[in-house]
PDB file of N, CA and C in Angstrom:
ATOM      1  N   MET A   1      94.856 195.568 106.860  1.00  0.00           N
ATOM      2  CA  MET A   1      95.174 195.578 108.725  1.00  0.00           C
ATOM      3  C   MET A   1      92.828 195.562 108.465  1.00  0.00           C
ATOM      4  N   LYS A   2      92.303 195.034 107.443  1.00  0.00           N
ATOM      5  CA  LYS A   2      91.278 195.193 108.094  1.00  0.00           C
ATOM      6  C   LYS A   2      90.404 193.784 107.441  1.00  0.00           C
ATOM      7  N   SER A   3      91.129 193.404 106.621  1.00  0.00           N
ATOM      8  CA  SER A   3      90.932 191.723 105.756  1.00  0.00           C
ATOM      9  C   SER A   3      91.445 190.918 106.919  1.00  0.00           C
ATOM     10  N   TYR A   4      92.474 191.569 108.416  1.00  0.00           N
ATOM     11  CA  TYR A   4      92.561 190.547 109.659  1.00  0.00           C
ATOM     12  C   TYR A   4      91.852 190.662 109.981  1.00  0.00           C
ATOM     13  N   ILE A   5      90.655 191.974 110.142  1.00  0.00           N
ATOM     14  CA  ILE A   5      89.891 192.268 110.802  1.00  0.00           C
ATOM     15  C   ILE A   5      88.778 190.987 110.868  1.00  0.00           C
ATOM     16  N   PHE A   6      88.375 191.538 109.969  1.00  0.00           N
ATOM     17  CA  PHE A   6      87.467 190.427 108.544  1.00  0.00           C
ATOM     18  C   PHE A   6      87.353 188.496 109.423  1.00  0.00           C
ATOM     19  N   PHE A   7      88.987 188.179 109.370  1.00  0.00           N
ATOM     20  CA  PHE A   7      89.366 187.323 109.250  1.00  0.00           C
ATOM     21  C   PHE A   7      89.107 186.470 111.083  1.00  0.00           C
ATOM     22  N   ILE A   8      90.330 187.323 111.123  1.00  0.00           N
ATOM     23  CA  ILE A   8      89.480 187.556 113.323  1.00  0.00           C
ATOM     24  C   ILE A   8      87.381 187.250 113.731  1.00  0.00           C
ATOM     25  N   SER A   9      86.688 188.502 113.042  1.00  0.00           N
ATOM     26  CA  SER A   9      85.458 188.836 113.353  1.00  0.00           C
ATOM     27  C   SER A   9      84.921 187.018 112.123  1.00  0.00           C
ATOM     28  N   ALA A  10      85.651 186.123 111.185  1.00  0.00           N
ATOM     29  CA  ALA A  10      84.597 185.056 111.115  1.00  0.00           C
ATOM     30  C   ALA A  10      85.086 184.412 112.198  1.00  0.00           C
ATOM     31  N   LEU A  11      86.287 184.230 112.782  1.00  0.00           N
ATOM     32  CA  LEU A  11      86.125 183.203 112.990  1.00  0.00           C
ATOM     33  C   LEU A  11      85.412 182.971 114.196  1.00  0.00           C
ATOM     34  N   ILE A  12      85.990 184.299 114.730  1.00  0.00           N
ATOM     35  CA  ILE A  12      84.719 184.273 116.198  1.00  0.00           C
ATOM     36  C   ILE A  12      83.650 183.474 115.643  1.00  0.00           C
ATOM     37  N   LEU A  13      82.368 184.285 115.043  1.00  0.00           N
ATOM     38  CA  LEU A  13      81.778 183.887 114.782  1.00  0.00           C
ATOM     39  C   LEU A  13      81.369 182.455 113.580  1.00  0.00           C
ATOM     40  N   ALA A  14      81.515 181.827 113.764  1.00  0.00           N
ATOM     41  CA  ALA A  14      81.787 180.649 113.345  1.00  0.00           C
ATOM     42  C   ALA A  14      81.920 180.115 114.662  1.00  0.00           C
ATOM     43  N   SER A  15      82.667 179.810 115.454  1.00  0.00           N
ATOM     44  CA  SER A  15      83.245 179.306 116.082  1.00  0.00           C
ATOM     45  C   SER A  15      81.599 179.533 117.284  1.00  0.00           C
ATOM     46  N   VAL A  16      81.145 180.814 117.457  1.00  0.00           N
ATOM     47  CA  VAL A  16      79.842 180.918 118.472  1.00  0.00           C
ATOM     48  C   VAL A  16      78.704 180.119 117.619  1.00  0.00           C
ATOM     49  N   SER A  17      78.263 179.978 116.510  1.00  0.00           N
ATOM     50  CA  SER A  17      77.647 179.768 115.769  1.00  0.00           C
ATOM     51  C   SER A  17      77.429 177.827 115.644  1.00  0.00           C
ATOM     52  N   VAL A  18      78.491 177.723 116.170  1.00  0.00           N
ATOM     53  CA  VAL A  18      78.880 175.856 116.201  1.00  0.00           C
ATOM     54  C   VAL A  18      77.876 175.903 117.848  1.00  0.00           C
ATOM     55  N   ALA A  19      78.218 176.765 118.262  1.00  0.00           N
ATOM     56  CA  ALA A  19      78.203 175.843 120.214  1.00  0.00           C
ATOM     57  C   ALA A  19      77.301 176.132 120.072  1.00  0.00           C
ATOM     58  N   SER A  20      76.442 177.766 119.507  1.00  0.00           N
ATOM     59  CA  SER A  20      74.557 177.249 119.640  1.00  0.00           C
ATOM     60  C   SER A  20      74.427 177.094 119.074  1.00  0.00           C
ATOM     61  N   GLU A  21      74.537 175.937 118.167  1.00  0.00           N
ATOM     62  CA  GLU A  21      73.653 175.033 117.821  1.00  0.00           C
ATOM     63  C   GLU A  21      73.819 173.638 117.859  1.00  0.00           C
ATOM     64  N   LEU A  22      74.852 173.231 119.984  1.00  0.00           N
ATOM     65  CA  LEU A  22      74.986 172.439 120.050  1.00  0.00           C
ATOM     66  C   LEU A  22      73.078 172.111 121.308  1.00  0.00           C
ATOM     67  N   SER A  23      72.759 171.169 121.481  1.00  0.00           N
ATOM     68  CA  SER A  23      71.420 171.864 122.662  1.00  0.00           C
ATOM     69  C   SER A  23      71.995 171.706 124.115  1.00  0.00           C
ATOM     70  N   PRO A  24      71.150 171.733 124.650  1.00  0.00           N
ATOM     71  CA  PRO A  24      71.776 171.962 125.955  1.00  0.00           C
ATOM     72  C   PRO A  24      71.806 170.801 126.614  1.00  0.00           C
ATOM     73  N   ILE A  25      71.565 169.282 126.439  1.00  0.00           N
ATOM     74  CA  ILE A  25      72.825 168.152 126.569  1.00  0.00           C
ATOM     75  C   ILE A  25      73.064 168.244 126.040  1.00  0.00           C
ATOM     76  N   GLU A  26      73.819 168.083 124.760  1.00  0.00           N
ATOM     77  CA  GLU A  26      75.432 168.465 124.144  1.00  0.00           C
ATOM     78  C   GLU A  26      76.033 169.191 124.598  1.00  0.00           C
ATOM     79  N   LYS A  27      76.110 170.266 124.709  1.00  0.00           N
ATOM     80  CA  LYS A  27      76.992 171.363 125.626  1.00  0.00           C
ATOM     81  C   LYS A  27      77.326 170.789 127.590  1.00  0.00           C
ATOM     82  N   LYS A  28      76.047 170.389 127.681  1.00  0.00           N
ATOM     83  CA  LYS A  28      76.433 169.780 128.737  1.00  0.00           C
ATOM     84  C   LYS A  28      77.922 168.118 128.433  1.00  0.00           C
ATOM     85  N   GLN A  29      77.739 168.169 127.456  1.00  0.00           N
ATOM     86  CA  GLN A  29      78.752 166.627 127.400  1.00  0.00           C
ATOM     87  C   GLN A  29      79.885 166.565 126.513  1.00  0.00           C
ATOM     88  N   ARG A  30      79.063 168.299 125.537  1.00  0.00           N
ATOM     89  CA  ARG A  30      80.144 168.391 126.171  1.00  0.00           C
ATOM     90  C   ARG A  30      81.672 168.425 126.230  1.00  0.00           C
ATOM     91  N   LYS A  31      81.053 169.314 127.934  1.00  0.00           N
ATOM     92  CA  LYS A  31      82.091 169.442 128.836  1.00  0.00           C
ATOM     93  C   LYS A  31      82.326 169.010 129.887  1.00  0.00           C
ATOM     94  N   VAL A  32      81.571 167.322 130.180  1.00  0.00           N
ATOM     95  CA  VAL A  32      81.664 166.541 130.955  1.00  0.00           C
ATOM     96  C   VAL A  32      82.969 165.470 130.078  1.00  0.00           C
ATOM     97  N   VAL A  33      83.196 166.076 128.829  1.00  0.00           N
ATOM     98  CA  VAL A  33      83.945 165.231 127.881  1.00  0.00           C
ATOM     99  C   VAL A  33      85.305 165.472 128.112  1.00  0.00           C
ATOM    100  N   SER A  34      84.916 166.963 127.552  1.00  0.00           N
ATOM    101  CA  SER A  34      86.726 167.254 127.854  1.00  0.00           C
ATOM    102  C   SER A  34      86.788 167.927 129.511  1.00  0.00           C
ATOM    103  N   ARG A  35      86.261 167.756 130.678  1.00  0.00           N
ATOM    104  CA  ARG A  35      86.896 168.029 131.559  1.00  0.00           C
ATOM    105  C   ARG A  35      88.317 166.557 131.975  1.00  0.00           C
ATOM    106  N   PHE A  36      87.189 166.040 131.563  1.00  0.00           N
ATOM    107  CA  PHE A  36      87.532 164.108 131.933  1.00  0.00           C
ATOM    108  C   PHE A  36      88.569 163.737 130.851  1.00  0.00           C
ATOM    109  N   TYR A  37      88.488 164.490 129.962  1.00  0.00           N
ATOM    110  CA  TYR A  37      89.669 164.387 129.063  1.00  0.00           C
ATOM    111  C   TYR A  37      91.017 165.105 129.314  1.00  0.00           C
ATOM    112  N   GLU A  38      91.004 166.326 130.794  1.00  0.00           N
ATOM    113  CA  GLU A  38      91.724 166.898 130.616  1.00  0.00           C
ATOM    114  C   GLU A  38      92.566 165.937 131.978  1.00  0.00           C
ATOM    115  N   VAL A  39      91.759 165.685 132.929  1.00  0.00           N
ATOM    116  CA  VAL A  39      91.464 165.333 134.634  1.00  0.00           C
ATOM    117  C   VAL A  39      92.506 163.407 134.095  1.00  0.00           C
ATOM    118  N   LEU A  40      91.310 162.450 133.397  1.00  0.00           N
ATOM    119  CA  LEU A  40      92.597 161.333 132.890  1.00  0.00           C
ATOM    120  C   LEU A  40      92.802 161.340 132.534  1.00  0.00           C
ATOM    121  N   GLU A  41      93.256 162.247 130.925  1.00  0.00           N
ATOM    122  CA  GLU A  41      93.710 161.432 129.901  1.00  0.00           C
ATOM    123  C   GLU A  41      95.415 163.060 130.038  1.00  0.00           C
ATOM    124  N   MET A  42      94.910 164.773 130.193  1.00  0.00           N
ATOM    125  CA  MET A  42      95.921 164.701 129.485  1.00  0.00           C
ATOM    126  C   MET A  42      96.702 165.235 131.723  1.00  0.00           C
ATOM    127  N   MET A  43      96.757 165.208 132.870  1.00  0.00           N
ATOM    128  CA  MET A  43      97.175 165.693 133.942  1.00  0.00           C
ATOM    129  C   MET A  43      98.042 164.820 134.881  1.00  0.00           C
ATOM    130  N   PRO A  44      97.999 162.971 133.927  1.00  0.00           N
ATOM    131  CA  PRO A  44      99.574 162.486 134.597  1.00  0.00           C
ATOM    132  C   PRO A  44     100.868 163.186 134.040  1.00  0.00           C
ATOM    133  N   SER A  45     100.851 163.359 132.693  1.00  0.00           N
ATOM    134  CA  SER A  45     101.727 163.900 131.776  1.00  0.00           C
ATOM    135  C   SER A  45     102.222 165.479 132.401  1.00  0.00           C
ATOM    136  N   ARG A  46     101.198 166.104 132.880  1.00  0.00           N
ATOM    137  CA  ARG A  46     101.236 167.003 133.380  1.00  0.00           C
ATOM    138  C   ARG A  46     102.138 167.579 134.528  1.00  0.00           C
ATOM    139  N   CYS A  47     101.195 166.462 135.027  1.00  0.00           N
ATOM    140  CA  CYS A  47     101.774 166.426 137.215  1.00  0.00           C
ATOM    141  C   CYS A  47     103.679 165.957 137.149  1.00  0.00           C
ATOM    142  N   PRO A  48     103.507 167.232 138.052  1.00  0.00           N
ATOM    143  CA  PRO A  48     104.930 166.679 138.562  1.00  0.00           C
ATOM    144  C   PRO A  48     105.694 165.361 138.350  1.00  0.00           C
ATOM    145  N   GLU A  49     106.881 165.021 138.357  1.00  0.00           N
ATOM    146  CA  GLU A  49     107.379 163.558 138.471  1.00  0.00           C
ATOM    147  C   GLU A  49     107.055 163.306 139.701  1.00  0.00           C
ATOM    148  N   SER A  50     107.180 164.103 140.578  1.00  0.00           N
ATOM    149  CA  SER A  50     107.154 163.221 142.185  1.00  0.00           C
ATOM    150  C   SER A  50     106.069 162.407 142.687  1.00  0.00           C
ATOM    151  N   LYS A  51     104.118 163.106 141.975  1.00  0.00           N
ATOM    152  CA  LYS A  51     102.740 163.091 141.920  1.00  0.00           C
ATOM    153  C   LYS A  51     103.011 162.479 140.609  1.00  0.00           C
ATOM    154  N   ARG A  52     104.007 162.224 139.684  1.00  0.00           N
ATOM    155  CA  ARG A  52     102.952 161.369 139.042  1.00  0.00           C
ATOM    156  C   ARG A  52     102.988 160.097 139.156  1.00  0.00           C
ATOM    157  N   SER A  53     103.291 158.991 139.572  1.00  0.00           N
ATOM    158  CA  SER A  53     102.592 158.027 139.962  1.00  0.00           C
ATOM    159  C   SER A  53     101.353 157.707 141.153  1.00  0.00           C
ATOM    160  N   GLU A  54     101.139 158.931 142.056  1.00  0.00           N
ATOM    161  CA  GLU A  54     100.193 158.281 143.195  1.00  0.00           C
ATOM    162  C   GLU A  54      98.987 158.909 142.171  1.00  0.00           C
ATOM    163  N   TYR A  55      99.243 160.404 141.571  1.00  0.00           N
ATOM    164  CA  TYR A  55      98.165 160.419 140.504  1.00  0.00           C
ATOM    165  C   TYR A  55      97.422 159.636 139.563  1.00  0.00           C
ATOM    166  N   SER A  56      98.223 158.876 139.066  1.00  0.00           N
ATOM    167  CA  SER A  56      97.921 157.511 137.899  1.00  0.00           C
ATOM    168  C   SER A  56      97.375 156.868 138.149  1.00  0.00           C
ATOM    169  N   SER A  57      97.560 156.600 139.590  1.00  0.00           N
ATOM    170  CA  SER A  57      96.709 154.841 140.447  1.00  0.00           C
ATOM    171  C   SER A  57      95.648 155.434 141.090  1.00  0.00           C
ATOM    172  N   SER A  58      95.747 156.852 141.352  1.00  0.00           N
ATOM    173  CA  SER A  58      93.772 156.656 141.083  1.00  0.00           C
ATOM    174  C   SER A  58      93.110 157.237 139.931  1.00  0.00           C
ATOM    175  N   VAL A  59      94.032 157.784 138.940  1.00  0.00           N
ATOM    176  CA  VAL A  59      93.758 157.754 137.469  1.00  0.00           C
ATOM    177  C   VAL A  59      92.428 156.395 137.235  1.00  0.00           C
ATOM    178  N   VAL A  60      93.646 155.344 137.843  1.00  0.00           N
ATOM    179  CA  VAL A  60      93.372 153.520 136.919  1.00  0.00           C
ATOM    180  C   VAL A  60      92.795 153.637 137.685  1.00  0.00           C
ATOM    181  N   LYS A  61      92.098 153.421 138.827  1.00  0.00           N
ATOM    182  CA  LYS A  61      90.962 152.942 140.252  1.00  0.00           C
ATOM    183  C   LYS A  61      90.116 153.938 139.361  1.00  0.00           C
ATOM    184  N   PHE A  62      89.906 155.441 139.177  1.00  0.00           N
ATOM    185  CA  PHE A  62      88.409 155.761 138.698  1.00  0.00           C
ATOM    186  C   PHE A  62      88.529 154.961 137.580  1.00  0.00           C
ATOM    187  N   GLU A  63      89.255 154.237 136.652  1.00  0.00           N
ATOM    188  CA  GLU A  63      88.871 153.791 134.928  1.00  0.00           C
ATOM    189  C   GLU A  63      88.465 152.314 135.557  1.00  0.00           C
ATOM    190  N   ASN A  64      88.177 152.276 135.738  1.00  0.00           N
ATOM    191  CA  ASN A  64      88.153 150.544 136.722  1.00  0.00           C
ATOM    192  C   ASN A  64      86.829 150.463 137.433  1.00  0.00           C
ATOM    193  N   MET A  65      86.552 151.404 137.777  1.00  0.00           N
ATOM    194  CA  MET A  65      85.780 151.300 138.427  1.00  0.00           C
ATOM    195  C   MET A  65      83.806 152.026 138.156  1.00  0.00           C
ATOM    196  N   TYR A  66      84.441 152.705 136.519  1.00  0.00           N
ATOM    197  CA  TYR A  66      83.597 153.327 135.806  1.00  0.00           C
ATOM    198  C   TYR A  66      83.978 152.698 134.407  1.00  0.00           C
ATOM    199  N   PRO A  67      83.765 151.836 134.354  1.00  0.00           N
ATOM    200  CA  PRO A  67      84.486 151.737 132.074  1.00  0.00           C
ATOM    201  C   PRO A  67      84.116 151.851 131.772  1.00  0.00           C
ATOM    202  N   LYS A  68      82.081 152.044 131.898  1.00  0.00           N
ATOM    203  CA  LYS A  68      81.050 152.314 130.813  1.00  0.00           C
ATOM    204  C   LYS A  68      81.111 154.099 130.571  1.00  0.00           C
ATOM    205  N   PHE A  69      81.546 154.925 131.590  1.00  0.00           N
ATOM    206  CA  PHE A  69      82.179 155.441 131.685  1.00  0.00           C
ATOM    207  C   PHE A  69      83.317 156.291 130.664  1.00  0.00           C
ATOM    208  N   LYS A  70      84.228 155.540 130.997  1.00  0.00           N
ATOM    209  CA  LYS A  70      85.244 155.713 130.178  1.00  0.00           C
ATOM    210  C   LYS A  70      84.838 155.072 128.736  1.00  0.00           C
ATOM    211  N   SER A  71      83.941 154.612 128.185  1.00  0.00           N
ATOM    212  CA  SER A  71      83.505 154.252 126.570  1.00  0.00           C
ATOM    213  C   SER A  71      83.111 155.414 126.434  1.00  0.00           C
ATOM    214  N   ALA A  72      81.839 155.958 126.575  1.00  0.00           N
ATOM    215  CA  ALA A  72      81.359 157.107 127.037  1.00  0.00           C
ATOM    216  C   ALA A  72      82.294 158.127 126.598  1.00  0.00           C
ATOM    217  N   LEU A  73      83.096 158.371 126.992  1.00  0.00           N
ATOM    218  CA  LEU A  73      84.443 159.481 126.455  1.00  0.00           C
ATOM    219  C   LEU A  73      84.885 159.058 125.246  1.00  0.00           C
ATOM    220  N   ARG A  74      85.125 158.429 125.492  1.00  0.00           N
ATOM    221  CA  ARG A  74      85.955 157.678 124.700  1.00  0.00           C
ATOM    222  C   ARG A  74      86.074 158.515 122.656  1.00  0.00           C
ATOM    223  N   ASP A  75      84.655 156.959 122.902  1.00  0.00           N
ATOM    224  CA  ASP A  75      83.801 156.825 121.368  1.00  0.00           C
ATOM    225  C   ASP A  75      82.368 157.948 121.069  1.00  0.00           C
ATOM    226  N   SER A  76      82.705 159.230 122.397  1.00  0.00           N
ATOM    227  CA  SER A  76      82.204 160.795 122.351  1.00  0.00           C
ATOM    228  C   SER A  76      82.144 161.240 120.789  1.00  0.00           C
ATOM    229  N   LYS A  77      81.184 161.559 120.191  1.00  0.00           N
ATOM    230  CA  LYS A  77      81.410 162.724 119.162  1.00  0.00           C
ATOM    231  C   LYS A  77      82.487 163.926 119.951  1.00  0.00           C
ATOM    232  N   PHE A  78      82.585 164.188 121.175  1.00  0.00           N
ATOM    233  CA  PHE A  78      83.734 166.087 121.641  1.00  0.00           C
ATOM    234  C   PHE A  78      84.728 165.313 122.190  1.00  0.00           C
ATOM    235  N   ARG A  79      85.047 164.428 121.821  1.00  0.00           N
ATOM    236  CA  ARG A  79      86.281 163.741 122.513  1.00  0.00           C
ATOM    237  C   ARG A  79      87.109 164.886 121.034  1.00  0.00           C
ATOM    238  N   PRO A  80      87.207 164.585 119.992  1.00  0.00           N
ATOM    239  CA  PRO A  80      88.449 165.131 119.383  1.00  0.00           C
ATOM    240  C   PRO A  80      88.124 167.053 119.912  1.00  0.00           C
ATOM    241  N   TYR A  81      86.695 167.683 119.622  1.00  0.00           N
ATOM    242  CA  TYR A  81      86.865 169.101 120.627  1.00  0.00           C
ATOM    243  C   TYR A  81      87.750 169.194 121.659  1.00  0.00           C
ATOM    244  N   ALA A  82      87.911 168.450 122.412  1.00  0.00           N
ATOM    245  CA  ALA A  82      88.372 168.061 124.173  1.00  0.00           C
ATOM    246  C   ALA A  82      90.378 167.785 123.801  1.00  0.00           C
ATOM    247  N   ILE A  83      90.224 166.904 122.914  1.00  0.00           N
ATOM    248  CA  ILE A  83      91.885 166.835 121.937  1.00  0.00           C
ATOM    249  C   ILE A  83      92.311 167.883 121.234  1.00  0.00           C
ATOM    250  N   GLU A  84      91.208 168.216 121.044  1.00  0.00           N
ATOM    251  CA  GLU A  84      92.233 170.310 120.269  1.00  0.00           C
ATOM    252  C   GLU A  84      92.477 170.719 121.334  1.00  0.00           C
ATOM    253  N   ASN A  85      90.789 171.270 122.463  1.00  0.00           N
ATOM    254  CA  ASN A  85      91.246 172.561 122.584  1.00  0.00           C
ATOM    255  C   ASN A  85      92.063 171.842 124.051  1.00  0.00           C
ATOM    256  N   PHE A  86      92.701 171.074 124.913  1.00  0.00           N
ATOM    257  CA  PHE A  86      92.555 170.908 126.329  1.00  0.00           C
ATOM    258  C   PHE A  86      94.503 170.623 125.946  1.00  0.00           C
ATOM    259  N   SER A  87      94.379 169.878 125.245  1.00  0.00           N
ATOM    260  CA  SER A  87      95.892 169.307 124.565  1.00  0.00           C
ATOM    261  C   SER A  87      97.641 169.980 124.713  1.00  0.00           C
ATOM    262  N   ASN A  88      97.175 170.873 124.565  1.00  0.00           N
ATOM    263  CA  ASN A  88      98.528 171.644 124.188  1.00  0.00           C
ATOM    264  C   ASN A  88      98.740 172.592 125.985  1.00  0.00           C
ATOM    265  N   ALA A  89      97.538 172.564 127.740  1.00  0.00           N
ATOM    266  CA  ALA A  89      97.835 172.756 128.628  1.00  0.00           C
ATOM    267  C   ALA A  89      99.249 172.540 129.161  1.00  0.00           C
ATOM    268  N   SER A  90      99.988 173.651 130.074  1.00  0.00           N
ATOM    269  CA  SER A  90     100.628 173.812 131.035  1.00  0.00           C
ATOM    270  C   SER A  90     100.591 172.932 131.429  1.00  0.00           C
ATOM    271  N   ALA A  91     102.332 172.531 132.518  1.00  0.00           N
ATOM    272  CA  ALA A  91     102.629 171.521 133.994  1.00  0.00           C
ATOM    273  C   ALA A  91     101.857 172.289 134.384  1.00  0.00           C
ATOM    274  N   VAL A  92     101.413 171.431 135.737  1.00  0.00           N
ATOM    275  CA  VAL A  92     100.333 171.509 137.333  1.00  0.00           C
ATOM    276  C   VAL A  92     101.529 171.793 137.619  1.00  0.00           C
ATOM    277  N   THR A  93     101.083 172.439 139.396  1.00  0.00           N
ATOM    278  CA  THR A  93     101.883 172.460 140.235  1.00  0.00           C
ATOM    279  C   THR A  93     101.413 171.366 140.976  1.00  0.00           C
ATOM    280  N   GLU A  94     102.431 170.837 141.956  1.00  0.00           N
ATOM    281  CA  GLU A  94     102.402 169.840 142.592  1.00  0.00           C
ATOM    282  C   GLU A  94     101.272 169.856 143.504  1.00  0.00           C
ATOM    283  N   GLY A  95     100.829 170.907 143.934  1.00  0.00           N
ATOM    284  CA  GLY A  95      99.719 171.126 144.827  1.00  0.00           C
ATOM    285  C   GLY A  95      98.580 171.040 143.756  1.00  0.00           C
ATOM    286  N   GLY A  96      98.817 171.726 142.904  1.00  0.00           N
ATOM    287  CA  GLY A  96      97.296 171.297 141.808  1.00  0.00           C
ATOM    288  C   GLY A  96      96.565 170.204 140.868  1.00  0.00           C
ATOM    289  N   CYS A  97      98.548 169.183 141.327  1.00  0.00           N
ATOM    290  CA  CYS A  97      97.483 167.556 140.708  1.00  0.00           C
ATOM    291  C   CYS A  97      96.573 167.410 141.301  1.00  0.00           C
ATOM    292  N   LEU A  98      98.125 167.459 142.979  1.00  0.00           N
ATOM    293  CA  LEU A  98      97.002 166.822 144.245  1.00  0.00           C
ATOM    294  C   LEU A  98      95.375 166.667 144.574  1.00  0.00           C
ATOM    295  N   TYR A  99      95.382 168.722 144.203  1.00  0.00           N
ATOM    296  CA  TYR A  99      94.208 168.873 144.157  1.00  0.00           C
ATOM    297  C   TYR A  99      93.010 168.644 143.160  1.00  0.00           C
ATOM    298  N   ILE A 100      93.332 168.165 141.691  1.00  0.00           N
ATOM    299  CA  ILE A 100      92.947 167.295 141.108  1.00  0.00           C
ATOM    300  C   ILE A 100      92.164 165.461 141.773  1.00  0.00           C
ATOM    301  N   LYS A 101      93.999 165.295 141.579  1.00  0.00           N
ATOM    302  CA  LYS A 101      93.773 163.964 142.350  1.00  0.00           C
ATOM    303  C   LYS A 101      92.691 163.337 143.393  1.00  0.00           C
ATOM    304  N   ASP A 102      93.038 164.611 144.091  1.00  0.00           N
ATOM    305  CA  ASP A 102      91.933 164.188 145.733  1.00  0.00           C
ATOM    306  C   ASP A 102      90.873 164.156 144.982  1.00  0.00           C
ATOM    307  N   ALA A 103      90.475 165.356 144.151  1.00  0.00           N
ATOM    308  CA  ALA A 103      88.605 165.662 143.221  1.00  0.00           C
ATOM    309  C   ALA A 103      88.664 163.674 143.051  1.00  0.00           C
ATOM    310  N   LEU A 104      89.581 163.835 141.632  1.00  0.00           N
ATOM    311  CA  LEU A 104      88.740 162.440 140.800  1.00  0.00           C
ATOM    312  C   LEU A 104      88.896 161.193 142.211  1.00  0.00           C
ATOM    313  N   ASP A 105      89.896 160.706 143.847  1.00  0.00           N
ATOM    314  CA  ASP A 105      89.033 159.484 144.499  1.00  0.00           C
ATOM    315  C   ASP A 105      88.339 160.263 144.861  1.00  0.00           C
ATOM    316  N   ARG A 106      87.575 160.831 145.128  1.00  0.00           N
ATOM    317  CA  ARG A 106      85.712 161.196 145.684  1.00  0.00           C
ATOM    318  C   ARG A 106      85.522 161.054 144.327  1.00  0.00           C
ATOM    319  N   TYR A 107      85.046 160.779 143.814  1.00  0.00           N
ATOM    320  CA  TYR A 107      84.912 159.472 143.030  1.00  0.00           C
ATOM    321  C   TYR A 107      84.638 158.732 143.237  1.00  0.00           C
ATOM    322  N   THR A 108      85.693 157.906 143.674  1.00  0.00           N
ATOM    323  CA  THR A 108      85.062 156.605 143.950  1.00  0.00           C
ATOM    324  C   THR A 108      85.280 156.236 145.354  1.00  0.00           C
ATOM    325  N   ASN A 109      85.816 156.830 146.154  1.00  0.00           N
ATOM    326  CA  ASN A 109      85.949 157.072 147.578  1.00  0.00           C
ATOM    327  C   ASN A 109      84.636 157.613 148.879  1.00  0.00           C
ATOM    328  N   THR A 110      83.451 158.142 148.546  1.00  0.00           N
ATOM    329  CA  THR A 110      82.768 159.059 148.521  1.00  0.00           C
ATOM    330  C   THR A 110      80.890 158.402 148.003  1.00  0.00           C
ATOM    331  N   ASP A 111      80.533 158.198 148.366  1.00  0.00           N
ATOM    332  CA  ASP A 111      78.867 158.195 148.806  1.00  0.00           C
ATOM    333  C   ASP A 111      77.835 159.195 147.874  1.00  0.00           C
ATOM    334  N   LYS A 112      78.970 159.828 147.906  1.00  0.00           N
ATOM    335  CA  LYS A 112      78.756 161.455 147.138  1.00  0.00           C
ATOM    336  C   LYS A 112      78.804 161.864 145.463  1.00  0.00           C
ATOM    337  N   GLY A 113      80.164 161.373 146.236  1.00  0.00           N
ATOM    338  CA  GLY A 113      81.276 160.594 144.597  1.00  0.00           C
ATOM    339  C   GLY A 113      80.171 160.114 143.787  1.00  0.00           C
ATOM    340  N   LYS A 114      79.823 159.400 144.257  1.00  0.00           N
ATOM    341  CA  LYS A 114      79.302 157.731 143.809  1.00  0.00           C
ATOM    342  C   LYS A 114      78.022 158.031 143.260  1.00  0.00           C
ATOM    343  N   GLN A 115      77.208 158.600 143.519  1.00  0.00           N
ATOM    344  CA  GLN A 115      75.758 159.785 142.993  1.00  0.00           C
ATOM    345  C   GLN A 115      75.989 160.376 142.104  1.00  0.00           C
ATOM    346  N   LYS A 116      77.437 160.918 142.112  1.00  0.00           N
ATOM    347  CA  LYS A 116      77.980 162.608 140.939  1.00  0.00           C
ATOM    348  C   LYS A 116      77.592 161.566 139.242  1.00  0.00           C
ATOM    349  N   MET A 117      78.930 160.437 140.012  1.00  0.00           N
ATOM    350  CA  MET A 117      78.785 159.309 138.510  1.00  0.00           C
ATOM    351  C   MET A 117      78.168 158.772 138.126  1.00  0.00           C
ATOM    352  N   LEU A 118      76.806 159.218 139.096  1.00  0.00           N
ATOM    353  CA  LEU A 118      75.413 157.822 137.643  1.00  0.00           C
ATOM    354  C   LEU A 118      74.296 159.497 137.680  1.00  0.00           C
ATOM    355  N   GLU A 119      74.683 161.042 138.053  1.00  0.00           N
ATOM    356  CA  GLU A 119      75.173 161.034 137.022  1.00  0.00           C
ATOM    357  C   GLU A 119      75.549 161.517 135.752  1.00  0.00           C
ATOM    358  N   LEU A 120      76.251 161.468 135.968  1.00  0.00           N
ATOM    359  CA  LEU A 120      77.320 162.094 134.789  1.00  0.00           C
ATOM    360  C   LEU A 120      76.800 160.707 133.201  1.00  0.00           C
ATOM    361  N   LEU A 121      76.808 159.772 133.440  1.00  0.00           N
ATOM    362  CA  LEU A 121      77.136 158.670 133.183  1.00  0.00           C
ATOM    363  C   LEU A 121      75.158 158.739 132.336  1.00  0.00           C
ATOM    364  N   SER A 122      73.966 159.844 133.259  1.00  0.00           N
ATOM    365  CA  SER A 122      73.063 160.428 132.730  1.00  0.00           C
ATOM    366  C   SER A 122      72.964 160.327 131.014  1.00  0.00           C
ATOM    367  N   VAL A 123      73.428 161.279 131.835  1.00  0.00           N
ATOM    368  CA  VAL A 123      74.588 163.000 130.934  1.00  0.00           C
ATOM    369  C   VAL A 123      74.409 162.266 129.119  1.00  0.00           C
ATOM    370  N   MET A 124      76.054 161.295 130.072  1.00  0.00           N
ATOM    371  CA  MET A 124      76.466 160.748 128.502  1.00  0.00           C
ATOM    372  C   MET A 124      75.513 159.746 127.701  1.00  0.00           C
ATOM    373  N   ALA A 125      75.082 159.384 128.615  1.00  0.00           N
ATOM    374  CA  ALA A 125      74.000 158.145 127.812  1.00  0.00           C
ATOM    375  C   ALA A 125      72.711 158.723 126.955  1.00  0.00           C
ATOM    376  N   SER A 126      72.648 160.506 127.207  1.00  0.00           N
ATOM    377  CA  SER A 126      71.034 161.139 127.117  1.00  0.00           C
ATOM    378  C   SER A 126      71.702 161.484 125.590  1.00  0.00           C
TER     379      SER A 126
END
């Protein structure tokens, strides 16, 4: 039992030390990459069949509007982290899917969303 506790403690300490070694901007980048990996790549398959096409259309519009951001996400050193931590997420309800779709649409349809994307592009370019 002691060895099991030691092993778990070592894993926790290792993960904490890796996270603490990141600079503040790297922490932001990792968060942006993780969240958008989930929203752009994982959510379409997690949405209910009835909403999948509608959600995917919003993803395509977003990616077409922000190709530099899409490239920054794809080329980020934090992409493997995002894949590892968000690939096994469960299905999303129809309401949850529509909520995320609406949030994604705000990035392409509103001035405030477009301004936020400029900020996120700046974070990714840092």
